[in-house]
Amino acid sequence: MEHLVPREQTDWLVQLLVEAGLGPAEIRVLVTRLCFEVIVADDAGTDARLLEVIADRRPAVRAAWVEVIDRMTSPTGR
């Protein structure tokens, strides 16, 4: 399967989650959940639902998740 985005760019997006100790399977679940919420959401409460996904995780994982969401949704791609 051909990737639409260069590997370096996808690595950069999730690097903070890797550094926080999450494995590929956990990252895949979180990113899939992010995509689902963005697609089906009516905007009301989306932010809260995205934070609920990691509510039971360590602070480092929660902080990394917030940054990953910002990286994925920022128009500038910081």
N, C-alpha and C. Protein backbone atom coordinates (compact mmCIF):
# COMPACT_ATOMS: atom_id res chain seq x y z
N MET A 1 0.84 -1.17 0.00
CA MET A 1 0.00 0.00 0.00
C MET A 1 0.89 1.24 0.00
N GLU A 2 0.60 2.15 -0.86
CA GLU A 2 1.37 3.38 -0.97
C GLU A 2 0.89 4.40 0.07
N HIS A 3 1.83 5.04 0.73
CA HIS A 3 1.49 6.05 1.72
C HIS A 3 1.29 7.39 1.04
N LEU A 4 0.29 8.13 1.47
CA LEU A 4 0.00 9.42 0.90
C LEU A 4 0.82 10.54 1.53
N VAL A 5 1.33 10.28 2.72
CA VAL A 5 2.12 11.27 3.47
C VAL A 5 3.49 10.66 3.73
N PRO A 6 4.54 11.45 3.58
CA PRO A 6 5.89 10.93 3.85
C PRO A 6 6.01 10.37 5.27
N ARG A 7 6.72 9.28 5.41
CA ARG A 7 6.88 8.60 6.69
C ARG A 7 7.41 9.53 7.78
N GLU A 8 8.33 10.42 7.42
CA GLU A 8 8.90 11.35 8.40
C GLU A 8 7.81 12.22 9.02
N GLN A 9 6.83 12.59 8.22
CA GLN A 9 5.76 13.44 8.71
C GLN A 9 4.85 12.68 9.68
N THR A 10 4.55 11.43 9.39
CA THR A 10 3.71 10.66 10.31
C THR A 10 4.49 10.32 11.57
N ASP A 11 5.78 10.04 11.45
CA ASP A 11 6.59 9.79 12.64
C ASP A 11 6.60 11.00 13.55
N TRP A 12 6.73 12.20 12.97
CA TRP A 12 6.75 13.43 13.75
C TRP A 12 5.43 13.62 14.50
N LEU A 13 4.33 13.26 13.87
CA LEU A 13 3.02 13.43 14.50
C LEU A 13 2.89 12.63 15.78
N VAL A 14 3.36 11.41 15.78
CA VAL A 14 3.15 10.52 16.93
C VAL A 14 4.37 10.34 17.81
N GLN A 15 5.47 10.98 17.49
CA GLN A 15 6.71 10.79 18.24
C GLN A 15 6.53 11.03 19.74
N LEU A 16 5.75 12.02 20.11
CA LEU A 16 5.54 12.31 21.53
C LEU A 16 4.85 11.15 22.25
N LEU A 17 3.95 10.47 21.56
CA LEU A 17 3.29 9.32 22.17
C LEU A 17 4.27 8.16 22.34
N VAL A 18 5.16 7.99 21.38
CA VAL A 18 6.20 6.96 21.51
C VAL A 18 7.10 7.28 22.70
N GLU A 19 7.50 8.54 22.79
CA GLU A 19 8.35 8.96 23.91
C GLU A 19 7.65 8.82 25.25
N ALA A 20 6.32 8.91 25.26
CA ALA A 20 5.55 8.74 26.50
C ALA A 20 5.36 7.27 26.85
N GLY A 21 5.82 6.37 25.97
CA GLY A 21 5.80 4.95 26.29
C GLY A 21 4.71 4.13 25.62
N LEU A 22 3.97 4.70 24.69
CA LEU A 22 2.93 3.93 24.02
C LEU A 22 3.49 3.15 22.84
N GLY A 23 2.93 1.99 22.62
CA GLY A 23 3.33 1.16 21.50
C GLY A 23 2.48 1.44 20.28
N PRO A 24 2.86 0.88 19.13
CA PRO A 24 2.13 1.12 17.88
C PRO A 24 0.64 0.79 17.96
N ALA A 25 0.28 -0.29 18.61
CA ALA A 25 -1.14 -0.67 18.68
C ALA A 25 -1.94 0.35 19.46
N GLU A 26 -1.40 0.83 20.58
CA GLU A 26 -2.10 1.84 21.37
C GLU A 26 -2.22 3.15 20.61
N ILE A 27 -1.17 3.54 19.91
CA ILE A 27 -1.20 4.77 19.13
C ILE A 27 -2.23 4.66 18.02
N ARG A 28 -2.29 3.51 17.38
CA ARG A 28 -3.26 3.29 16.29
C ARG A 28 -4.69 3.45 16.82
N VAL A 29 -4.97 2.91 17.98
CA VAL A 29 -6.31 3.02 18.57
C VAL A 29 -6.64 4.49 18.86
N LEU A 30 -5.70 5.22 19.45
CA LEU A 30 -5.95 6.62 19.77
C LEU A 30 -6.18 7.46 18.51
N VAL A 31 -5.34 7.26 17.50
CA VAL A 31 -5.47 8.05 16.27
C VAL A 31 -6.77 7.68 15.54
N THR A 32 -7.13 6.42 15.55
CA THR A 32 -8.39 6.00 14.94
C THR A 32 -9.56 6.65 15.66
N ARG A 33 -9.49 6.70 16.97
CA ARG A 33 -10.55 7.34 17.76
C ARG A 33 -10.63 8.83 17.44
N LEU A 34 -9.47 9.47 17.30
CA LEU A 34 -9.44 10.89 16.93
C LEU A 34 -10.14 11.10 15.60
N CYS A 35 -9.79 10.30 14.62
CA CYS A 35 -10.40 10.42 13.29
C CYS A 35 -11.91 10.21 13.35
N PHE A 36 -12.34 9.19 14.08
CA PHE A 36 -13.77 8.91 14.22
C PHE A 36 -14.50 10.10 14.83
N GLU A 37 -13.97 10.62 15.93
CA GLU A 37 -14.62 11.73 16.61
C GLU A 37 -14.73 12.96 15.72
N VAL A 38 -13.68 13.24 14.97
CA VAL A 38 -13.69 14.41 14.10
C VAL A 38 -14.71 14.24 12.97
N ILE A 39 -14.83 13.02 12.44
CA ILE A 39 -15.75 12.78 11.32
C ILE A 39 -17.21 12.83 11.77
N VAL A 40 -17.53 12.21 12.89
CA VAL A 40 -18.93 12.11 13.29
C VAL A 40 -19.39 13.20 14.25
N ALA A 41 -18.48 13.99 14.75
CA ALA A 41 -18.82 14.99 15.76
C ALA A 41 -19.62 16.14 15.17
N ASP A 42 -20.43 16.70 16.03
CA ASP A 42 -21.16 17.91 15.65
C ASP A 42 -20.47 19.14 16.24
N ASP A 43 -19.24 18.99 16.63
CA ASP A 43 -18.40 20.02 17.23
C ASP A 43 -18.71 20.28 18.70
N ALA A 44 -19.90 20.05 19.12
CA ALA A 44 -20.24 20.27 20.53
C ALA A 44 -19.68 19.12 21.37
N GLY A 45 -18.72 19.41 22.19
CA GLY A 45 -18.16 18.39 23.08
C GLY A 45 -17.07 17.54 22.49
N THR A 46 -16.63 17.81 21.27
CA THR A 46 -15.59 16.99 20.65
C THR A 46 -14.31 17.02 21.47
N ASP A 47 -13.90 18.20 21.90
CA ASP A 47 -12.66 18.31 22.67
C ASP A 47 -12.72 17.46 23.93
N ALA A 48 -13.83 17.52 24.63
CA ALA A 48 -13.96 16.74 25.86
C ALA A 48 -13.90 15.24 25.58
N ARG A 49 -14.55 14.80 24.50
CA ARG A 49 -14.53 13.37 24.17
C ARG A 49 -13.14 12.90 23.80
N LEU A 50 -12.37 13.76 23.13
CA LEU A 50 -11.01 13.38 22.76
C LEU A 50 -10.11 13.27 23.99
N LEU A 51 -10.38 14.08 24.99
CA LEU A 51 -9.60 13.99 26.23
C LEU A 51 -10.03 12.80 27.08
N GLU A 52 -11.30 12.41 26.99
CA GLU A 52 -11.79 11.25 27.72
C GLU A 52 -11.07 9.97 27.29
N VAL A 53 -10.65 9.92 26.04
CA VAL A 53 -9.96 8.74 25.50
C VAL A 53 -8.72 8.41 26.32
N ILE A 54 -8.06 9.42 26.86
CA ILE A 54 -6.80 9.20 27.57
C ILE A 54 -6.91 9.60 29.05
N ALA A 55 -8.11 9.76 29.54
CA ALA A 55 -8.32 10.23 30.91
C ALA A 55 -7.66 9.32 31.96
N ASP A 56 -7.56 8.04 31.69
CA ASP A 56 -6.99 7.11 32.67
C ASP A 56 -5.49 6.88 32.47
N ARG A 57 -4.89 7.63 31.57
CA ARG A 57 -3.45 7.46 31.27
C ARG A 57 -2.60 8.36 32.16
N ARG A 58 -1.30 8.07 32.17
CA ARG A 58 -0.33 8.87 32.92
C ARG A 58 -0.31 10.30 32.39
N PRO A 59 0.08 11.26 33.22
CA PRO A 59 0.14 12.66 32.78
C PRO A 59 1.00 12.86 31.53
N ALA A 60 2.10 12.14 31.40
CA ALA A 60 2.96 12.29 30.22
C ALA A 60 2.23 11.89 28.95
N VAL A 61 1.42 10.85 29.03
CA VAL A 61 0.64 10.39 27.87
C VAL A 61 -0.45 11.41 27.55
N ARG A 62 -1.12 11.92 28.58
CA ARG A 62 -2.17 12.93 28.34
C ARG A 62 -1.58 14.18 27.68
N ALA A 63 -0.43 14.63 28.16
CA ALA A 63 0.21 15.82 27.57
C ALA A 63 0.62 15.55 26.13
N ALA A 64 1.17 14.37 25.88
CA ALA A 64 1.58 14.02 24.52
C ALA A 64 0.37 13.96 23.59
N TRP A 65 -0.74 13.42 24.07
CA TRP A 65 -1.95 13.30 23.26
C TRP A 65 -2.48 14.68 22.86
N VAL A 66 -2.48 15.61 23.80
CA VAL A 66 -2.95 16.97 23.49
C VAL A 66 -2.06 17.58 22.41
N GLU A 67 -0.76 17.38 22.50
CA GLU A 67 0.15 17.92 21.50
C GLU A 67 -0.05 17.24 20.14
N VAL A 68 -0.28 15.94 20.14
CA VAL A 68 -0.51 15.21 18.88
C VAL A 68 -1.78 15.73 18.21
N ILE A 69 -2.84 15.93 18.99
CA ILE A 69 -4.08 16.48 18.42
C ILE A 69 -3.80 17.85 17.81
N ASP A 70 -3.03 18.66 18.52
CA ASP A 70 -2.69 19.98 18.00
C ASP A 70 -1.90 19.87 16.70
N ARG A 71 -0.93 18.97 16.67
CA ARG A 71 -0.13 18.78 15.46
C ARG A 71 -0.99 18.33 14.29
N MET A 72 -1.95 17.45 14.56
CA MET A 72 -2.78 16.90 13.48
C MET A 72 -3.82 17.88 12.98
N THR A 73 -4.26 18.77 13.84
CA THR A 73 -5.35 19.65 13.46
C THR A 73 -4.92 21.09 13.18
N SER A 74 -3.68 21.40 13.46
CA SER A 74 -3.19 22.75 13.24
C SER A 74 -3.01 23.00 11.74
N PRO A 75 -3.53 24.12 11.26
CA PRO A 75 -3.38 24.41 9.83
C PRO A 75 -1.92 24.64 9.42
N THR A 76 -1.10 25.02 10.37
CA THR A 76 0.30 25.29 10.03
C THR A 76 1.17 24.06 10.19
N GLY A 77 0.65 23.01 10.83
CA GLY A 77 1.42 21.80 11.02
C GLY A 77 2.64 21.99 11.88
N ARG A 78 2.58 22.97 12.76
CA ARG A 78 3.68 23.35 13.64
C ARG A 78 4.78 22.38 13.56
